[in-house]
């Protein structure tokens, strides 16, 4: 009986290892550097979500957010990144999921786009 239990446990652990190996075999493209261009935010967020699901699922939300921020560089994104990093470090904002963070990025950029459009009209 003990031998059967051990065999079942070994098979279950082996199955999990094989699943992890299969997931690592699938090539997942990392997102392009995001510079804050509103037209590119949808593609950036989609690429981040996919990569996190495929490669960073076991990582903490904080690590996932840090990974996302590593792809936010240049243009208008630098100021936003600086501000959000300060807010995170000071505990002013907290996210339960990396997806919440990405949604806040999207809302922020859409808001800026609307404001800039209104300003341009006047």
PDB file of N, CA and C in Angstrom:
ATOM      1  N   UNK A   1       0.822  -1.192   0.000  1.00  0.00           N
ATOM      2  CA  UNK A   1       0.000   0.000   0.000  1.00  0.00           C
ATOM      3  C   UNK A   1       0.873   1.266   0.000  1.00  0.00           C
ATOM      4  N   UNK A   2       1.887   1.257   0.857  1.00  0.00           N
ATOM      5  CA  UNK A   2       2.807   2.400   0.944  1.00  0.00           C
ATOM      6  C   UNK A   2       3.504   2.638  -0.393  1.00  0.00           C
ATOM      7  N   UNK A   3       3.874   1.576  -1.076  1.00  0.00           N
ATOM      8  CA  UNK A   3       4.537   1.696  -2.376  1.00  0.00           C
ATOM      9  C   UNK A   3       3.602   2.313  -3.409  1.00  0.00           C
ATOM     10  N   UNK A   4       2.319   1.959  -3.346  1.00  0.00           N
ATOM     11  CA  UNK A   4       1.346   2.532  -4.278  1.00  0.00           C
ATOM     12  C   UNK A   4       1.171   4.027  -4.036  1.00  0.00           C
ATOM     13  N   UNK A   5       1.125   4.414  -2.773  1.00  0.00           N
ATOM     14  CA  UNK A   5       0.997   5.832  -2.418  1.00  0.00           C
ATOM     15  C   UNK A   5       2.201   6.606  -2.928  1.00  0.00           C
ATOM     16  N   UNK A   6       3.384   6.061  -2.707  1.00  0.00           N
ATOM     17  CA  UNK A   6       4.604   6.711  -3.168  1.00  0.00           C
ATOM     18  C   UNK A   6       4.614   6.845  -4.690  1.00  0.00           C
ATOM     19  N   UNK A   7       4.154   5.827  -5.380  1.00  0.00           N
ATOM     20  CA  UNK A   7       4.119   5.864  -6.847  1.00  0.00           C
ATOM     21  C   UNK A   7       3.142   6.931  -7.332  1.00  0.00           C
ATOM     22  N   UNK A   8       1.982   7.019  -6.682  1.00  0.00           N
ATOM     23  CA  UNK A   8       1.004   8.051  -7.056  1.00  0.00           C
ATOM     24  C   UNK A   8       1.544   9.449  -6.801  1.00  0.00           C
ATOM     25  N   UNK A   9       2.187   9.632  -5.649  1.00  0.00           N
ATOM     26  CA  UNK A   9       2.770  10.938  -5.336  1.00  0.00           C
ATOM     27  C   UNK A   9       3.860  11.310  -6.334  1.00  0.00           C
ATOM     28  N   UNK A  10       4.692  10.360  -6.681  1.00  0.00           N
ATOM     29  CA  UNK A  10       5.763  10.623  -7.651  1.00  0.00           C
ATOM     30  C   UNK A  10       5.179  10.981  -9.009  1.00  0.00           C
ATOM     31  N   UNK A  11       4.119  10.301  -9.401  1.00  0.00           N
ATOM     32  CA  UNK A  11       3.483  10.588 -10.684  1.00  0.00           C
ATOM     33  C   UNK A  11       2.879  11.994 -10.673  1.00  0.00           C
ATOM     34  N   UNK A  12       2.256  12.379  -9.543  1.00  0.00           N
ATOM     35  CA  UNK A  12       1.650  13.714  -9.446  1.00  0.00           C
ATOM     36  C   UNK A  12       2.719  14.799  -9.516  1.00  0.00           C
ATOM     37  N   UNK A  13       3.824  14.618  -8.784  1.00  0.00           N
ATOM     38  CA  UNK A  13       4.916  15.596  -8.818  1.00  0.00           C
ATOM     39  C   UNK A  13       5.524  15.641 -10.211  1.00  0.00           C
ATOM     40  N   UNK A  14       5.724  14.495 -10.824  1.00  0.00           N
ATOM     41  CA  UNK A  14       6.272  14.442 -12.172  1.00  0.00           C
ATOM     42  C   UNK A  14       5.367  15.131 -13.166  1.00  0.00           C
ATOM     43  N   UNK A  15       4.063  14.985 -12.984  1.00  0.00           N
ATOM     44  CA  UNK A  15       3.100  15.640 -13.870  1.00  0.00           C
ATOM     45  C   UNK A  15       3.199  17.144 -13.778  1.00  0.00           C
ATOM     46  N   UNK A  16       3.361  17.664 -12.566  1.00  0.00           N
ATOM     47  CA  UNK A  16       3.501  19.112 -12.372  1.00  0.00           C
ATOM     48  C   UNK A  16       4.792  19.608 -13.013  1.00  0.00           C
ATOM     49  N   UNK A  17       5.848  18.823 -12.884  1.00  0.00           N
ATOM     50  CA  UNK A  17       7.122  19.212 -13.491  1.00  0.00           C
ATOM     51  C   UNK A  17       7.021  19.216 -15.012  1.00  0.00           C
ATOM     52  N   UNK A  18       6.355  18.209 -15.565  1.00  0.00           N
ATOM     53  CA  UNK A  18       6.183  18.154 -17.021  1.00  0.00           C
ATOM     54  C   UNK A  18       5.334  19.326 -17.506  1.00  0.00           C
ATOM     55  N   UNK A  19       4.305  19.695 -16.747  1.00  0.00           N
ATOM     56  CA  UNK A  19       3.464  20.843 -17.119  1.00  0.00           C
ATOM     57  C   UNK A  19       4.304  22.116 -17.141  1.00  0.00           C
ATOM     58  N   UNK A  20       5.162  22.296 -16.142  1.00  0.00           N
ATOM     59  CA  UNK A  20       6.042  23.467 -16.084  1.00  0.00           C
ATOM     60  C   UNK A  20       7.007  23.464 -17.272  1.00  0.00           C
ATOM     61  N   UNK A  21       7.555  22.298 -17.601  1.00  0.00           N
ATOM     62  CA  UNK A  21       8.461  22.194 -18.746  1.00  0.00           C
ATOM     63  C   UNK A  21       7.750  22.557 -20.041  1.00  0.00           C
ATOM     64  N   UNK A  22       6.510  22.079 -20.207  1.00  0.00           N
ATOM     65  CA  UNK A  22       5.746  22.402 -21.409  1.00  0.00           C
ATOM     66  C   UNK A  22       5.487  23.896 -21.508  1.00  0.00           C
ATOM     67  N   UNK A  23       5.160  24.512 -20.389  1.00  0.00           N
ATOM     68  CA  UNK A  23       4.880  25.951 -20.394  1.00  0.00           C
ATOM     69  C   UNK A  23       6.138  26.729 -20.774  1.00  0.00           C
ATOM     70  N   UNK A  24       7.309  26.270 -20.316  1.00  0.00           N
ATOM     71  CA  UNK A  24       8.552  26.965 -20.642  1.00  0.00           C
ATOM     72  C   UNK A  24       8.952  26.747 -22.099  1.00  0.00           C
ATOM     73  N   UNK A  25       8.492  25.673 -22.704  1.00  0.00           N
ATOM     74  CA  UNK A  25       8.804  25.423 -24.110  1.00  0.00           C
ATOM     75  C   UNK A  25       8.059  26.377 -25.030  1.00  0.00           C
ATOM     76  N   UNK A  26       6.904  26.860 -24.612  1.00  0.00           N
ATOM     77  CA  UNK A  26       6.107  27.767 -25.433  1.00  0.00           C
ATOM     78  C   UNK A  26       6.788  29.124 -25.443  1.00  0.00           C
ATOM     79  N   UNK A  27       7.070  29.614 -26.630  1.00  0.00           N
ATOM     80  CA  UNK A  27       7.729  30.915 -26.749  1.00  0.00           C
ATOM     81  C   UNK A  27       6.702  32.024 -26.556  1.00  0.00           C
ATOM     82  N   UNK A  28       7.002  32.929 -25.649  1.00  0.00           N
ATOM     83  CA  UNK A  28       6.116  34.056 -25.379  1.00  0.00           C
ATOM     84  C   UNK A  28       6.915  35.331 -25.607  1.00  0.00           C
ATOM     85  N   UNK A  29       6.410  36.180 -26.479  1.00  0.00           N
ATOM     86  CA  UNK A  29       7.103  37.416 -26.808  1.00  0.00           C
ATOM     87  C   UNK A  29       6.889  38.427 -25.681  1.00  0.00           C
ATOM     88  N   UNK A  30       7.960  39.066 -25.279  1.00  0.00           N
ATOM     89  CA  UNK A  30       7.864  40.127 -24.268  1.00  0.00           C
ATOM     90  C   UNK A  30       7.306  41.387 -24.931  1.00  0.00           C
ATOM     91  N   UNK A  31       6.693  42.244 -24.142  1.00  0.00           N
ATOM     92  CA  UNK A  31       6.153  43.477 -24.736  1.00  0.00           C
ATOM     93  C   UNK A  31       7.267  44.394 -25.224  1.00  0.00           C
ATOM     94  N   UNK A  32       6.928  45.245 -26.179  1.00  0.00           N
ATOM     95  CA  UNK A  32       7.872  46.271 -26.615  1.00  0.00           C
ATOM     96  C   UNK A  32       7.940  47.343 -25.541  1.00  0.00           C
ATOM     97  N   UNK A  33       9.021  48.093 -25.528  1.00  0.00           N
ATOM     98  CA  UNK A  33       9.148  49.213 -24.597  1.00  0.00           C
ATOM     99  C   UNK A  33       7.982  50.163 -24.824  1.00  0.00           C
ATOM    100  N   UNK A  34       7.344  50.581 -23.743  1.00  0.00           N
ATOM    101  CA  UNK A  34       6.192  51.468 -23.830  1.00  0.00           C
ATOM    102  C   UNK A  34       6.605  52.870 -23.408  1.00  0.00           C
ATOM    103  N   UNK A  35       6.394  53.846 -24.302  1.00  0.00           N
ATOM    104  CA  UNK A  35       6.832  55.219 -24.045  1.00  0.00           C
ATOM    105  C   UNK A  35       5.687  56.168 -23.677  1.00  0.00           C
ATOM    106  N   UNK A  36       4.503  55.598 -23.445  1.00  0.00           N
ATOM    107  CA  UNK A  36       3.374  56.435 -23.058  1.00  0.00           C
ATOM    108  C   UNK A  36       2.478  56.856 -24.204  1.00  0.00           C
ATOM    109  N   UNK A  37       2.774  56.423 -25.410  1.00  0.00           N
ATOM    110  CA  UNK A  37       1.928  56.750 -26.556  1.00  0.00           C
ATOM    111  C   UNK A  37       0.568  56.088 -26.368  1.00  0.00           C
ATOM    112  N   UNK A  38      -0.504  56.890 -26.244  1.00  0.00           N
ATOM    113  CA  UNK A  38      -1.826  56.321 -25.972  1.00  0.00           C
ATOM    114  C   UNK A  38      -2.274  55.262 -26.979  1.00  0.00           C
ATOM    115  N   UNK A  39      -1.932  55.427 -28.236  1.00  0.00           N
ATOM    116  CA  UNK A  39      -2.349  54.463 -29.262  1.00  0.00           C
ATOM    117  C   UNK A  39      -1.709  53.088 -29.061  1.00  0.00           C
ATOM    118  N   UNK A  40      -0.627  53.016 -28.293  1.00  0.00           N
ATOM    119  CA  UNK A  40       0.082  51.760 -28.101  1.00  0.00           C
ATOM    120  C   UNK A  40      -0.262  51.060 -26.788  1.00  0.00           C
ATOM    121  N   UNK A  41      -1.076  51.703 -25.960  1.00  0.00           N
ATOM    122  CA  UNK A  41      -1.334  51.159 -24.631  1.00  0.00           C
ATOM    123  C   UNK A  41      -2.061  49.812 -24.689  1.00  0.00           C
ATOM    124  N   UNK A  42      -3.011  49.645 -25.609  1.00  0.00           N
ATOM    125  CA  UNK A  42      -3.754  48.386 -25.697  1.00  0.00           C
ATOM    126  C   UNK A  42      -2.863  47.199 -25.989  1.00  0.00           C
ATOM    127  N   UNK A  43      -1.987  47.351 -26.961  1.00  0.00           N
ATOM    128  CA  UNK A  43      -1.059  46.275 -27.311  1.00  0.00           C
ATOM    129  C   UNK A  43      -0.078  45.977 -26.198  1.00  0.00           C
ATOM    130  N   UNK A  44       0.379  47.026 -25.538  1.00  0.00           N
ATOM    131  CA  UNK A  44       1.314  46.849 -24.419  1.00  0.00           C
ATOM    132  C   UNK A  44       0.652  46.066 -23.290  1.00  0.00           C
ATOM    133  N   UNK A  45      -0.558  46.463 -22.927  1.00  0.00           N
ATOM    134  CA  UNK A  45      -1.261  45.800 -21.828  1.00  0.00           C
ATOM    135  C   UNK A  45      -1.548  44.340 -22.179  1.00  0.00           C
ATOM    136  N   UNK A  46      -1.982  44.088 -23.385  1.00  0.00           N
ATOM    137  CA  UNK A  46      -2.256  42.722 -23.819  1.00  0.00           C
ATOM    138  C   UNK A  46      -1.001  41.855 -23.756  1.00  0.00           C
ATOM    139  N   UNK A  47       0.123  42.384 -24.248  1.00  0.00           N
ATOM    140  CA  UNK A  47       1.384  41.634 -24.228  1.00  0.00           C
ATOM    141  C   UNK A  47       1.834  41.356 -22.793  1.00  0.00           C
ATOM    142  N   UNK A  48       1.656  42.333 -21.903  1.00  0.00           N
ATOM    143  CA  UNK A  48       2.028  42.149 -20.493  1.00  0.00           C
ATOM    144  C   UNK A  48       1.169  41.075 -19.839  1.00  0.00           C
ATOM    145  N   UNK A  49      -0.139  41.138 -20.055  1.00  0.00           N
ATOM    146  CA  UNK A  49      -1.045  40.153 -19.459  1.00  0.00           C
ATOM    147  C   UNK A  49      -0.687  38.740 -19.916  1.00  0.00           C
ATOM    148  N   UNK A  50      -0.443  38.587 -21.195  1.00  0.00           N
ATOM    149  CA  UNK A  50      -0.102  37.274 -21.736  1.00  0.00           C
ATOM    150  C   UNK A  50       1.203  36.761 -21.142  1.00  0.00           C
ATOM    151  N   UNK A  51       2.220  37.607 -21.100  1.00  0.00           N
ATOM    152  CA  UNK A  51       3.512  37.176 -20.582  1.00  0.00           C
ATOM    153  C   UNK A  51       3.402  36.807 -19.103  1.00  0.00           C
ATOM    154  N   UNK A  52       2.672  37.614 -18.340  1.00  0.00           N
ATOM    155  CA  UNK A  52       2.512  37.325 -16.911  1.00  0.00           C
ATOM    156  C   UNK A  52       1.811  35.983 -16.720  1.00  0.00           C
ATOM    157  N   UNK A  53       0.767  35.732 -17.492  1.00  0.00           N
ATOM    158  CA  UNK A  53       0.047  34.453 -17.373  1.00  0.00           C
ATOM    159  C   UNK A  53       0.926  33.268 -17.740  1.00  0.00           C
ATOM    160  N   UNK A  54       1.787  33.443 -18.721  1.00  0.00           N
ATOM    161  CA  UNK A  54       2.600  32.325 -19.198  1.00  0.00           C
ATOM    162  C   UNK A  54       3.917  32.146 -18.438  1.00  0.00           C
ATOM    163  N   UNK A  55       4.483  33.230 -17.944  1.00  0.00           N
ATOM    164  CA  UNK A  55       5.824  33.142 -17.365  1.00  0.00           C
ATOM    165  C   UNK A  55       5.957  33.623 -15.917  1.00  0.00           C
ATOM    166  N   UNK A  56       5.080  34.501 -15.483  1.00  0.00           N
ATOM    167  CA  UNK A  56       5.263  35.096 -14.153  1.00  0.00           C
ATOM    168  C   UNK A  56       4.129  34.768 -13.197  1.00  0.00           C
ATOM    169  N   UNK A  57       3.360  33.776 -13.518  1.00  0.00           N
ATOM    170  CA  UNK A  57       2.182  33.434 -12.722  1.00  0.00           C
ATOM    171  C   UNK A  57       2.527  33.180 -11.254  1.00  0.00           C
ATOM    172  N   UNK A  58       3.630  32.548 -10.972  1.00  0.00           N
ATOM    173  CA  UNK A  58       4.008  32.226  -9.605  1.00  0.00           C
ATOM    174  C   UNK A  58       4.687  33.360  -8.846  1.00  0.00           C
ATOM    175  N   UNK A  59       4.980  34.443  -9.521  1.00  0.00           N
ATOM    176  CA  UNK A  59       5.660  35.570  -8.890  1.00  0.00           C
ATOM    177  C   UNK A  59       4.668  36.425  -8.109  1.00  0.00           C
ATOM    178  N   UNK A  60       5.173  37.194  -7.168  1.00  0.00           N
ATOM    179  CA  UNK A  60       4.306  38.078  -6.382  1.00  0.00           C
ATOM    180  C   UNK A  60       3.793  39.215  -7.270  1.00  0.00           C
ATOM    181  N   UNK A  61       2.705  39.829  -6.845  1.00  0.00           N
ATOM    182  CA  UNK A  61       2.145  40.966  -7.580  1.00  0.00           C
ATOM    183  C   UNK A  61       3.181  42.083  -7.655  1.00  0.00           C
ATOM    184  N   UNK A  62       3.905  42.297  -6.582  1.00  0.00           N
ATOM    185  CA  UNK A  62       4.930  43.340  -6.581  1.00  0.00           C
ATOM    186  C   UNK A  62       5.994  43.072  -7.646  1.00  0.00           C
ATOM    187  N   UNK A  63       6.432  41.833  -7.757  1.00  0.00           N
ATOM    188  CA  UNK A  63       7.428  41.487  -8.777  1.00  0.00           C
ATOM    189  C   UNK A  63       6.858  41.629 -10.186  1.00  0.00           C
ATOM    190  N   UNK A  64       5.603  41.268 -10.367  1.00  0.00           N
ATOM    191  CA  UNK A  64       4.974  41.421 -11.673  1.00  0.00           C
ATOM    192  C   UNK A  64       4.887  42.895 -12.063  1.00  0.00           C
ATOM    193  N   UNK A  65       4.534  43.746 -11.113  1.00  0.00           N
ATOM    194  CA  UNK A  65       4.438  45.182 -11.381  1.00  0.00           C
ATOM    195  C   UNK A  65       5.819  45.758 -11.681  1.00  0.00           C
ATOM    196  N   UNK A  66       6.820  45.342 -10.943  1.00  0.00           N
ATOM    197  CA  UNK A  66       8.186  45.802 -11.216  1.00  0.00           C
ATOM    198  C   UNK A  66       8.611  45.376 -12.620  1.00  0.00           C
ATOM    199  N   UNK A  67       8.239  44.164 -13.009  1.00  0.00           N
ATOM    200  CA  UNK A  67       8.558  43.687 -14.353  1.00  0.00           C
ATOM    201  C   UNK A  67       7.873  44.566 -15.398  1.00  0.00           C
ATOM    202  N   UNK A  68       6.584  44.870 -15.199  1.00  0.00           N
ATOM    203  CA  UNK A  68       5.860  45.741 -16.126  1.00  0.00           C
ATOM    204  C   UNK A  68       6.553  47.090 -16.221  1.00  0.00           C
ATOM    205  N   UNK A  69       6.890  47.661 -15.075  1.00  0.00           N
ATOM    206  CA  UNK A  69       7.526  48.984 -15.052  1.00  0.00           C
ATOM    207  C   UNK A  69       8.872  48.988 -15.770  1.00  0.00           C
ATOM    208  N   UNK A  70       9.529  47.846 -15.818  1.00  0.00           N
ATOM    209  CA  UNK A  70      10.822  47.791 -16.520  1.00  0.00           C
ATOM    210  C   UNK A  70      10.652  48.001 -18.020  1.00  0.00           C
ATOM    211  N   UNK A  71       9.436  47.839 -18.530  1.00  0.00           N
ATOM    212  CA  UNK A  71       9.159  48.056 -19.950  1.00  0.00           C
ATOM    213  C   UNK A  71       8.528  49.418 -20.221  1.00  0.00           C
ATOM    214  N   UNK A  72       8.364  50.226 -19.192  1.00  0.00           N
ATOM    215  CA  UNK A  72       7.820  51.576 -19.338  1.00  0.00           C
ATOM    216  C   UNK A  72       9.006  52.536 -19.310  1.00  0.00           C
ATOM    217  N   UNK A  73       9.341  53.084 -20.479  1.00  0.00           N
ATOM    218  CA  UNK A  73      10.543  53.925 -20.583  1.00  0.00           C
ATOM    219  C   UNK A  73      10.371  54.977 -21.668  1.00  0.00           C
ATOM    220  N   UNK A  74      10.880  56.155 -21.382  1.00  0.00           N
ATOM    221  CA  UNK A  74      10.931  57.202 -22.392  1.00  0.00           C
ATOM    222  C   UNK A  74       9.633  57.962 -22.549  1.00  0.00           C
ATOM    223  N   UNK A  75       9.704  59.016 -23.308  1.00  0.00           N
ATOM    224  CA  UNK A  75       8.534  59.829 -23.602  1.00  0.00           C
ATOM    225  C   UNK A  75       7.799  60.284 -22.358  1.00  0.00           C
ATOM    226  N   UNK A  76       6.482  60.375 -22.470  1.00  0.00           N
ATOM    227  CA  UNK A  76       5.663  60.824 -21.342  1.00  0.00           C
ATOM    228  C   UNK A  76       5.564  59.759 -20.252  1.00  0.00           C
ATOM    229  N   UNK A  77       5.952  58.542 -20.564  1.00  0.00           N
ATOM    230  CA  UNK A  77       5.846  57.457 -19.591  1.00  0.00           C
ATOM    231  C   UNK A  77       6.834  57.614 -18.429  1.00  0.00           C
ATOM    232  N   UNK A  78       7.956  58.267 -18.658  1.00  0.00           N
ATOM    233  CA  UNK A  78       8.951  58.397 -17.594  1.00  0.00           C
ATOM    234  C   UNK A  78       8.401  59.115 -16.364  1.00  0.00           C
ATOM    235  N   UNK A  79       7.676  60.195 -16.572  1.00  0.00           N
ATOM    236  CA  UNK A  79       7.131  60.934 -15.439  1.00  0.00           C
ATOM    237  C   UNK A  79       6.075  60.099 -14.712  1.00  0.00           C
ATOM    238  N   UNK A  80       5.212  59.444 -15.474  1.00  0.00           N
ATOM    239  CA  UNK A  80       4.201  58.591 -14.862  1.00  0.00           C
ATOM    240  C   UNK A  80       4.864  57.478 -14.055  1.00  0.00           C
ATOM    241  N   UNK A  81       5.891  56.861 -14.638  1.00  0.00           N
ATOM    242  CA  UNK A  81       6.608  55.773 -13.969  1.00  0.00           C
ATOM    243  C   UNK A  81       7.238  56.260 -12.671  1.00  0.00           C
ATOM    244  N   UNK A  82       7.860  57.414 -12.707  1.00  0.00           N
ATOM    245  CA  UNK A  82       8.491  57.983 -11.507  1.00  0.00           C
ATOM    246  C   UNK A  82       7.447  58.197 -10.415  1.00  0.00           C
ATOM    247  N   UNK A  83       6.304  58.770 -10.792  1.00  0.00           N
ATOM    248  CA  UNK A  83       5.246  59.041  -9.818  1.00  0.00           C
ATOM    249  C   UNK A  83       4.672  57.756  -9.232  1.00  0.00           C
ATOM    250  N   UNK A  84       4.385  56.784 -10.078  1.00  0.00           N
ATOM    251  CA  UNK A  84       3.789  55.546  -9.589  1.00  0.00           C
ATOM    252  C   UNK A  84       4.763  54.766  -8.726  1.00  0.00           C
ATOM    253  N   UNK A  85       6.056  54.807  -9.058  1.00  0.00           N
ATOM    254  CA  UNK A  85       7.049  54.118  -8.230  1.00  0.00           C
ATOM    255  C   UNK A  85       7.123  54.752  -6.841  1.00  0.00           C
ATOM    256  N   UNK A  86       7.060  56.074  -6.777  1.00  0.00           N
ATOM    257  CA  UNK A  86       7.055  56.750  -5.483  1.00  0.00           C
ATOM    258  C   UNK A  86       5.816  56.376  -4.679  1.00  0.00           C
ATOM    259  N   UNK A  87       4.660  56.350  -5.343  1.00  0.00           N
ATOM    260  CA  UNK A  87       3.416  55.981  -4.661  1.00  0.00           C
ATOM    261  C   UNK A  87       3.482  54.547  -4.144  1.00  0.00           C
ATOM    262  N   UNK A  88       4.035  53.641  -4.922  1.00  0.00           N
ATOM    263  CA  UNK A  88       4.172  52.250  -4.495  1.00  0.00           C
ATOM    264  C   UNK A  88       5.129  52.131  -3.307  1.00  0.00           C
ATOM    265  N   UNK A  89       6.274  52.807  -3.409  1.00  0.00           N
ATOM    266  CA  UNK A  89       7.271  52.741  -2.338  1.00  0.00           C
ATOM    267  C   UNK A  89       6.770  53.354  -1.035  1.00  0.00           C
ATOM    268  N   UNK A  90       5.945  54.401  -1.140  1.00  0.00           N
ATOM    269  CA  UNK A  90       5.410  55.069   0.051  1.00  0.00           C
ATOM    270  C   UNK A  90       4.140  54.409   0.573  1.00  0.00           C
ATOM    271  N   UNK A  91       3.674  53.369  -0.093  1.00  0.00           N
ATOM    272  CA  UNK A  91       2.465  52.678   0.340  1.00  0.00           C
ATOM    273  C   UNK A  91       1.192  53.465   0.089  1.00  0.00           C
ATOM    274  N   UNK A  92       1.271  54.462  -0.794  1.00  0.00           N
ATOM    275  CA  UNK A  92       0.100  55.289  -1.102  1.00  0.00           C
ATOM    276  C   UNK A  92      -0.891  54.552  -1.986  1.00  0.00           C
ATOM    277  N   UNK A  93      -0.413  53.577  -2.709  1.00  0.00           N
ATOM    278  CA  UNK A  93      -1.264  52.797  -3.604  1.00  0.00           C
ATOM    279  C   UNK A  93      -0.821  51.338  -3.515  1.00  0.00           C
ATOM    280  N   UNK A  94      -1.791  50.441  -3.616  1.00  0.00           N
ATOM    281  CA  UNK A  94      -1.484  49.018  -3.537  1.00  0.00           C
ATOM    282  C   UNK A  94      -2.415  48.274  -4.488  1.00  0.00           C
ATOM    283  N   UNK A  95      -1.901  47.266  -5.121  1.00  0.00           N
ATOM    284  CA  UNK A  95      -2.677  46.492  -6.083  1.00  0.00           C
ATOM    285  C   UNK A  95      -2.702  45.035  -5.642  1.00  0.00           C
ATOM    286  N   UNK A  96      -3.880  44.426  -5.730  1.00  0.00           N
ATOM    287  CA  UNK A  96      -3.999  43.007  -5.397  1.00  0.00           C
ATOM    288  C   UNK A  96      -3.602  42.120  -6.574  1.00  0.00           C
ATOM    289  N   UNK A  97      -3.743  42.673  -7.781  1.00  0.00           N
ATOM    290  CA  UNK A  97      -3.396  41.946  -9.001  1.00  0.00           C
ATOM    291  C   UNK A  97      -2.634  42.864  -9.946  1.00  0.00           C
ATOM    292  N   UNK A  98      -1.727  42.300 -10.711  1.00  0.00           N
ATOM    293  CA  UNK A  98      -1.006  43.094 -11.708  1.00  0.00           C
ATOM    294  C   UNK A  98      -1.975  43.658 -12.739  1.00  0.00           C
ATOM    295  N   UNK A  99      -3.071  42.943 -12.988  1.00  0.00           N
ATOM    296  CA  UNK A  99      -4.069  43.408 -13.945  1.00  0.00           C
ATOM    297  C   UNK A  99      -4.698  44.733 -13.485  1.00  0.00           C
ATOM    298  N   UNK A 100      -4.882  44.894 -12.183  1.00  0.00           N
ATOM    299  CA  UNK A 100      -5.391  46.168 -11.646  1.00  0.00           C
ATOM    300  C   UNK A 100      -4.426  47.300 -11.992  1.00  0.00           C
ATOM    301  N   UNK A 101      -3.159  47.018 -11.841  1.00  0.00           N
ATOM    302  CA  UNK A 101      -2.129  48.007 -12.160  1.00  0.00           C
ATOM    303  C   UNK A 101      -2.192  48.385 -13.641  1.00  0.00           C
ATOM    304  N   UNK A 102      -2.310  47.392 -14.504  1.00  0.00           N
ATOM    305  CA  UNK A 102      -2.391  47.662 -15.943  1.00  0.00           C
ATOM    306  C   UNK A 102      -3.647  48.454 -16.288  1.00  0.00           C
ATOM    307  N   UNK A 103      -4.753  48.160 -15.619  1.00  0.00           N
ATOM    308  CA  UNK A 103      -5.982  48.915 -15.852  1.00  0.00           C
ATOM    309  C   UNK A 103      -5.831  50.369 -15.422  1.00  0.00           C
ATOM    310  N   UNK A 104      -5.101  50.608 -14.332  1.00  0.00           N
ATOM    311  CA  UNK A 104      -4.884  51.998 -13.904  1.00  0.00           C
ATOM    312  C   UNK A 104      -4.010  52.742 -14.906  1.00  0.00           C
ATOM    313  N   UNK A 105      -3.036  52.046 -15.489  1.00  0.00           N
ATOM    314  CA  UNK A 105      -2.200  52.637 -16.536  1.00  0.00           C
ATOM    315  C   UNK A 105      -3.068  53.036 -17.721  1.00  0.00           C
ATOM    316  N   UNK A 106      -3.947  52.151 -18.123  1.00  0.00           N
ATOM    317  CA  UNK A 106      -4.827  52.419 -19.260  1.00  0.00           C
ATOM    318  C   UNK A 106      -5.738  53.615 -18.968  1.00  0.00           C
ATOM    319  N   UNK A 107      -6.354  53.652 -17.785  1.00  0.00           N
ATOM    320  CA  UNK A 107      -7.227  54.775 -17.421  1.00  0.00           C
ATOM    321  C   UNK A 107      -6.471  56.088 -17.427  1.00  0.00           C
ATOM    322  N   UNK A 108      -5.269  56.086 -16.892  1.00  0.00           N
ATOM    323  CA  UNK A 108      -4.439  57.289 -16.826  1.00  0.00           C
ATOM    324  C   UNK A 108      -4.140  57.820 -18.226  1.00  0.00           C
ATOM    325  N   UNK A 109      -3.784  56.928 -19.120  1.00  0.00           N
ATOM    326  CA  UNK A 109      -3.446  57.353 -20.481  1.00  0.00           C
ATOM    327  C   UNK A 109      -4.668  57.815 -21.259  1.00  0.00           C
ATOM    328  N   UNK A 110      -5.786  57.151 -21.064  1.00  0.00           N
ATOM    329  CA  UNK A 110      -7.011  57.585 -21.735  1.00  0.00           C
ATOM    330  C   UNK A 110      -7.411  58.967 -21.227  1.00  0.00           C
ATOM    331  N   UNK A 111      -7.283  59.182 -19.930  1.00  0.00           N
ATOM    332  CA  UNK A 111      -7.598  60.491 -19.346  1.00  0.00           C
ATOM    333  C   UNK A 111      -6.708  61.574 -19.977  1.00  0.00           C
ATOM    334  N   UNK A 112      -5.413  61.305 -20.053  1.00  0.00           N
ATOM    335  CA  UNK A 112      -4.487  62.274 -20.651  1.00  0.00           C
ATOM    336  C   UNK A 112      -4.840  62.551 -22.109  1.00  0.00           C
ATOM    337  N   UNK A 113      -5.191  61.506 -22.833  1.00  0.00           N
ATOM    338  CA  UNK A 113      -5.549  61.675 -24.234  1.00  0.00           C
ATOM    339  C   UNK A 113      -6.772  62.578 -24.379  1.00  0.00           C
ATOM    340  N   UNK A 114      -7.771  62.371 -23.542  1.00  0.00           N
ATOM    341  CA  UNK A 114      -8.979  63.201 -23.588  1.00  0.00           C
ATOM    342  C   UNK A 114      -8.638  64.648 -23.249  1.00  0.00           C
ATOM    343  N   UNK A 115      -7.848  64.858 -22.203  1.00  0.00           N
ATOM    344  CA  UNK A 115      -7.471  66.214 -21.793  1.00  0.00           C
ATOM    345  C   UNK A 115      -6.687  66.899 -22.902  1.00  0.00           C
ATOM    346  N   UNK A 116      -5.719  66.211 -23.487  1.00  0.00           N
ATOM    347  CA  UNK A 116      -4.924  66.812 -24.562  1.00  0.00           C
ATOM    348  C   UNK A 116      -5.781  67.140 -25.776  1.00  0.00           C
ATOM    349  N   UNK A 117      -6.752  66.280 -26.075  1.00  0.00           N
ATOM    350  CA  UNK A 117      -7.644  66.519 -27.194  1.00  0.00           C
ATOM    351  C   UNK A 117      -8.495  67.761 -26.946  1.00  0.00           C
ATOM    352  N   UNK A 118      -9.014  67.895 -25.744  1.00  0.00           N
ATOM    353  CA  UNK A 118      -9.830  69.058 -25.389  1.00  0.00           C
ATOM    354  C   UNK A 118      -8.993  70.346 -25.475  1.00  0.00           C
ATOM    355  N   UNK A 119      -7.782  70.279 -24.951  1.00  0.00           N
ATOM    356  CA  UNK A 119      -6.899  71.438 -25.001  1.00  0.00           C
ATOM    357  C   UNK A 119      -6.596  71.818 -26.456  1.00  0.00           C
ATOM    358  N   UNK A 120      -6.367  70.820 -27.293  1.00  0.00           N
ATOM    359  CA  UNK A 120      -6.056  71.079 -28.702  1.00  0.00           C
ATOM    360  C   UNK A 120      -7.233  71.723 -29.439  1.00  0.00           C
ATOM    361  N   UNK A 121      -8.427  71.448 -28.990  1.00  0.00           N
ATOM    362  CA  UNK A 121      -9.614  72.013 -29.640  1.00  0.00           C
ATOM    363  C   UNK A 121      -9.779  73.491 -29.350  1.00  0.00           C
ATOM    364  N   UNK A 122      -9.201  73.970 -28.272  1.00  0.00           N
ATOM    365  CA  UNK A 122      -9.364  75.376 -27.897  1.00  0.00           C
ATOM    366  C   UNK A 122      -8.193  76.205 -28.287  1.00  0.00           C
TER     367      UNK A 122
END
